[in-house]
Amino acid sequence: MLKRFYLPDCPVETALMMMGDRWKALIVRDLLTGTKRFGQLRKGLPGISQKVLTDHLRIMEEYGLVNRKVYAEVPPRVEYSLTELGKSLKPIHDAMRQWGERYQGKMNGD
């Protein structure tokens, strides 16, 4: 088990640490559909800077949520995908999407 970083005692806090901010949740959303290159991820996340995306991908790789594969090409090609642990976030992501759809419906008078 990965233990290179502090894990809170509270399991909810641990889950929030793994996926609790906007960018991590959206990176998971995009990677749930399959492997992506850095540019593809950035294009799907309007408003994210290159530095923030790089930092989040590195953190998520350290957490064991994301695989990073570098191909020995010129220029180098790097692809990102979810690990099995990262894929296990799908039910959480789906619940957040469903809740968001219901909330949007209520706010739009549906």
C-alpha atoms as a PDB file:
ATOM      1  CA  MET A   1       0.000   0.000   0.000  1.00  0.00           C
ATOM      2  CA  LEU A   2       1.253   3.490  -0.763  1.00  0.00           C
ATOM      3  CA  LYS A   3       2.201   5.385   2.364  1.00  0.00           C
ATOM      4  CA  ARG A   4       4.558   8.124   1.131  1.00  0.00           C
ATOM      5  CA  PHE A   5       2.182  10.813   2.298  1.00  0.00           C
ATOM      6  CA  TYR A   6       0.031  11.598   5.310  1.00  0.00           C
ATOM      7  CA  LEU A   7      -3.283   9.769   5.452  1.00  0.00           C
ATOM      8  CA  PRO A   8      -5.918  11.280   7.729  1.00  0.00           C
ATOM      9  CA  ASP A   9      -7.600   9.073  10.320  1.00  0.00           C
ATOM     10  CA  CYS A  10     -11.029   9.906   8.889  1.00  0.00           C
ATOM     11  CA  PRO A  11     -11.904   7.852   5.749  1.00  0.00           C
ATOM     12  CA  VAL A  12     -14.078  10.673   4.370  1.00  0.00           C
ATOM     13  CA  GLU A  13     -11.142  13.071   4.680  1.00  0.00           C
ATOM     14  CA  THR A  14      -8.936  10.531   2.889  1.00  0.00           C
ATOM     15  CA  ALA A  15     -11.433  10.289  -0.005  1.00  0.00           C
ATOM     16  CA  LEU A  16     -11.617  14.080  -0.210  1.00  0.00           C
ATOM     17  CA  MET A  17      -7.829  14.288  -0.264  1.00  0.00           C
ATOM     18  CA  MET A  18      -7.710  11.888  -3.215  1.00  0.00           C
ATOM     19  CA  MET A  19     -10.439  13.469  -5.318  1.00  0.00           C
ATOM     20  CA  GLY A  20     -11.958  16.347  -3.383  1.00  0.00           C
ATOM     21  CA  ASP A  21     -10.928  19.351  -5.396  1.00  0.00           C
ATOM     22  CA  ARG A  22     -12.361  20.548  -8.678  1.00  0.00           C
ATOM     23  CA  TRP A  23      -9.419  19.658 -10.895  1.00  0.00           C
ATOM     24  CA  LYS A  24      -8.823  16.154  -9.550  1.00  0.00           C
ATOM     25  CA  ALA A  25     -12.492  15.255  -9.991  1.00  0.00           C
ATOM     26  CA  LEU A  26     -12.464  16.587 -13.555  1.00  0.00           C
ATOM     27  CA  ILE A  27      -9.213  14.784 -14.391  1.00  0.00           C
ATOM     28  CA  VAL A  28     -10.847  11.556 -13.171  1.00  0.00           C
ATOM     29  CA  ARG A  29     -13.924  12.380 -15.290  1.00  0.00           C
ATOM     30  CA  ASP A  30     -11.813  12.721 -18.414  1.00  0.00           C
ATOM     31  CA  LEU A  31      -9.676   9.645 -17.730  1.00  0.00           C
ATOM     32  CA  LEU A  32     -12.728   7.463 -17.025  1.00  0.00           C
ATOM     33  CA  THR A  33     -13.341   7.537 -20.789  1.00  0.00           C
ATOM     34  CA  GLY A  34      -9.836   6.219 -21.520  1.00  0.00           C
ATOM     35  CA  THR A  35      -6.166   7.084 -21.874  1.00  0.00           C
ATOM     36  CA  LYS A  36      -5.360  10.708 -22.707  1.00  0.00           C
ATOM     37  CA  ARG A  37      -2.308  12.716 -23.626  1.00  0.00           C
ATOM     38  CA  PHE A  38      -1.461  15.866 -21.666  1.00  0.00           C
ATOM     39  CA  GLY A  39      -2.793  18.164 -24.401  1.00  0.00           C
ATOM     40  CA  GLN A  40      -6.084  16.268 -24.565  1.00  0.00           C
ATOM     41  CA  LEU A  41      -6.529  16.601 -20.821  1.00  0.00           C
ATOM     42  CA  ARG A  42      -5.713  20.296 -20.889  1.00  0.00           C
ATOM     43  CA  LYS A  43      -8.161  20.912 -23.732  1.00  0.00           C
ATOM     44  CA  GLY A  44     -10.925  19.189 -21.745  1.00  0.00           C
ATOM     45  CA  LEU A  45     -10.243  21.348 -18.671  1.00  0.00           C
ATOM     46  CA  PRO A  46     -10.757  24.982 -19.702  1.00  0.00           C
ATOM     47  CA  GLY A  47      -9.187  27.356 -17.213  1.00  0.00           C
ATOM     48  CA  ILE A  48      -6.526  24.990 -15.879  1.00  0.00           C
ATOM     49  CA  SER A  49      -2.940  26.114 -16.274  1.00  0.00           C
ATOM     50  CA  GLN A  50      -0.214  23.787 -17.499  1.00  0.00           C
ATOM     51  CA  LYS A  51       1.484  23.973 -14.095  1.00  0.00           C
ATOM     52  CA  VAL A  52      -1.667  23.118 -12.138  1.00  0.00           C
ATOM     53  CA  LEU A  53      -2.466  20.183 -14.442  1.00  0.00           C
ATOM     54  CA  THR A  54       1.115  18.905 -14.179  1.00  0.00           C
ATOM     55  CA  ASP A  55       1.073  19.238 -10.374  1.00  0.00           C
ATOM     56  CA  HIS A  56      -2.278  17.457 -10.041  1.00  0.00           C
ATOM     57  CA  LEU A  57      -1.236  14.617 -12.344  1.00  0.00           C
ATOM     58  CA  ARG A  58       1.980  14.125 -10.345  1.00  0.00           C
ATOM     59  CA  ILE A  59       0.060  14.085  -7.049  1.00  0.00           C
ATOM     60  CA  MET A  60      -2.517  11.664  -8.438  1.00  0.00           C
ATOM     61  CA  GLU A  61       0.297   9.449  -9.729  1.00  0.00           C
ATOM     62  CA  GLU A  62       1.884   9.464  -6.265  1.00  0.00           C
ATOM     63  CA  TYR A  63      -1.491   8.578  -4.717  1.00  0.00           C
ATOM     64  CA  GLY A  64      -1.670   5.595  -7.086  1.00  0.00           C
ATOM     65  CA  LEU A  65      -4.693   6.906  -8.995  1.00  0.00           C
ATOM     66  CA  VAL A  66      -3.016   7.701 -12.333  1.00  0.00           C
ATOM     67  CA  ASN A  67      -0.525   5.861 -14.546  1.00  0.00           C
ATOM     68  CA  ARG A  68       1.957   7.922 -16.554  1.00  0.00           C
ATOM     69  CA  LYS A  69       3.484   6.217 -19.585  1.00  0.00           C
ATOM     70  CA  VAL A  70       6.353   7.884 -21.460  1.00  0.00           C
ATOM     71  CA  TYR A  71       7.176   6.709 -24.973  1.00  0.00           C
ATOM     72  CA  ALA A  72      10.747   6.990 -26.234  1.00  0.00           C
ATOM     73  CA  GLU A  73       9.920   9.166 -29.219  1.00  0.00           C
ATOM     74  CA  VAL A  74      11.010  12.577 -30.433  1.00  0.00           C
ATOM     75  CA  PRO A  75       9.218  14.605 -29.253  1.00  0.00           C
ATOM     76  CA  PRO A  76       8.402  12.421 -26.247  1.00  0.00           C
ATOM     77  CA  ARG A  77       4.821  11.231 -25.999  1.00  0.00           C
ATOM     78  CA  VAL A  78       3.273  10.906 -22.546  1.00  0.00           C
ATOM     79  CA  GLU A  79      -0.064   9.254 -21.864  1.00  0.00           C
ATOM     80  CA  TYR A  80      -2.135   9.206 -18.691  1.00  0.00           C
ATOM     81  CA  SER A  81      -4.653   6.615 -17.603  1.00  0.00           C
ATOM     82  CA  LEU A  82      -6.403   5.601 -14.411  1.00  0.00           C
ATOM     83  CA  THR A  83      -5.022   2.752 -12.359  1.00  0.00           C
ATOM     84  CA  GLU A  84      -7.408   0.135 -10.994  1.00  0.00           C
ATOM     85  CA  LEU A  85      -7.523   2.207  -7.803  1.00  0.00           C
ATOM     86  CA  GLY A  86      -8.342   5.306  -9.882  1.00  0.00           C
ATOM     87  CA  LYS A  87     -11.072   3.422 -11.747  1.00  0.00           C
ATOM     88  CA  SER A  88     -12.584   2.491  -8.390  1.00  0.00           C
ATOM     89  CA  LEU A  89     -13.540   6.186  -8.037  1.00  0.00           C
ATOM     90  CA  LYS A  90     -16.176   5.754 -10.783  1.00  0.00           C
ATOM     91  CA  PRO A  91     -19.119   5.157  -8.392  1.00  0.00           C
ATOM     92  CA  ILE A  92     -18.171   8.299  -6.450  1.00  0.00           C
ATOM     93  CA  HIS A  93     -17.880  10.269  -9.672  1.00  0.00           C
ATOM     94  CA  ASP A  94     -21.206   8.899 -10.930  1.00  0.00           C
ATOM     95  CA  ALA A  95     -22.926   9.838  -7.648  1.00  0.00           C
ATOM     96  CA  MET A  96     -21.526  13.380  -7.886  1.00  0.00           C
ATOM     97  CA  ARG A  97     -22.755  13.662 -11.501  1.00  0.00           C
ATOM     98  CA  GLN A  98     -26.227  12.401 -10.602  1.00  0.00           C
ATOM     99  CA  TRP A  99     -26.486  14.746  -7.641  1.00  0.00           C
ATOM    100  CA  GLY A 100     -25.336  17.643  -9.832  1.00  0.00           C
ATOM    101  CA  GLU A 101     -27.958  16.803 -12.466  1.00  0.00           C
ATOM    102  CA  ARG A 102     -30.713  16.760  -9.829  1.00  0.00           C
ATOM    103  CA  TYR A 103     -29.486  20.047  -8.357  1.00  0.00           C
ATOM    104  CA  GLN A 104     -29.330  21.693 -11.771  1.00  0.00           C
ATOM    105  CA  GLY A 105     -32.860  20.462 -12.484  1.00  0.00           C
ATOM    106  CA  LYS A 106     -34.191  21.968  -9.240  1.00  0.00           C
ATOM    107  CA  MET A 107     -32.435  25.272  -9.867  1.00  0.00           C
ATOM    108  CA  ASN A 108     -33.772  25.373 -13.423  1.00  0.00           C
ATOM    109  CA  GLY A 109     -37.331  24.712 -12.213  1.00  0.00           C
ATOM    110  CA  ASP A 110     -37.579  21.184 -13.629  1.00  0.00           C
END
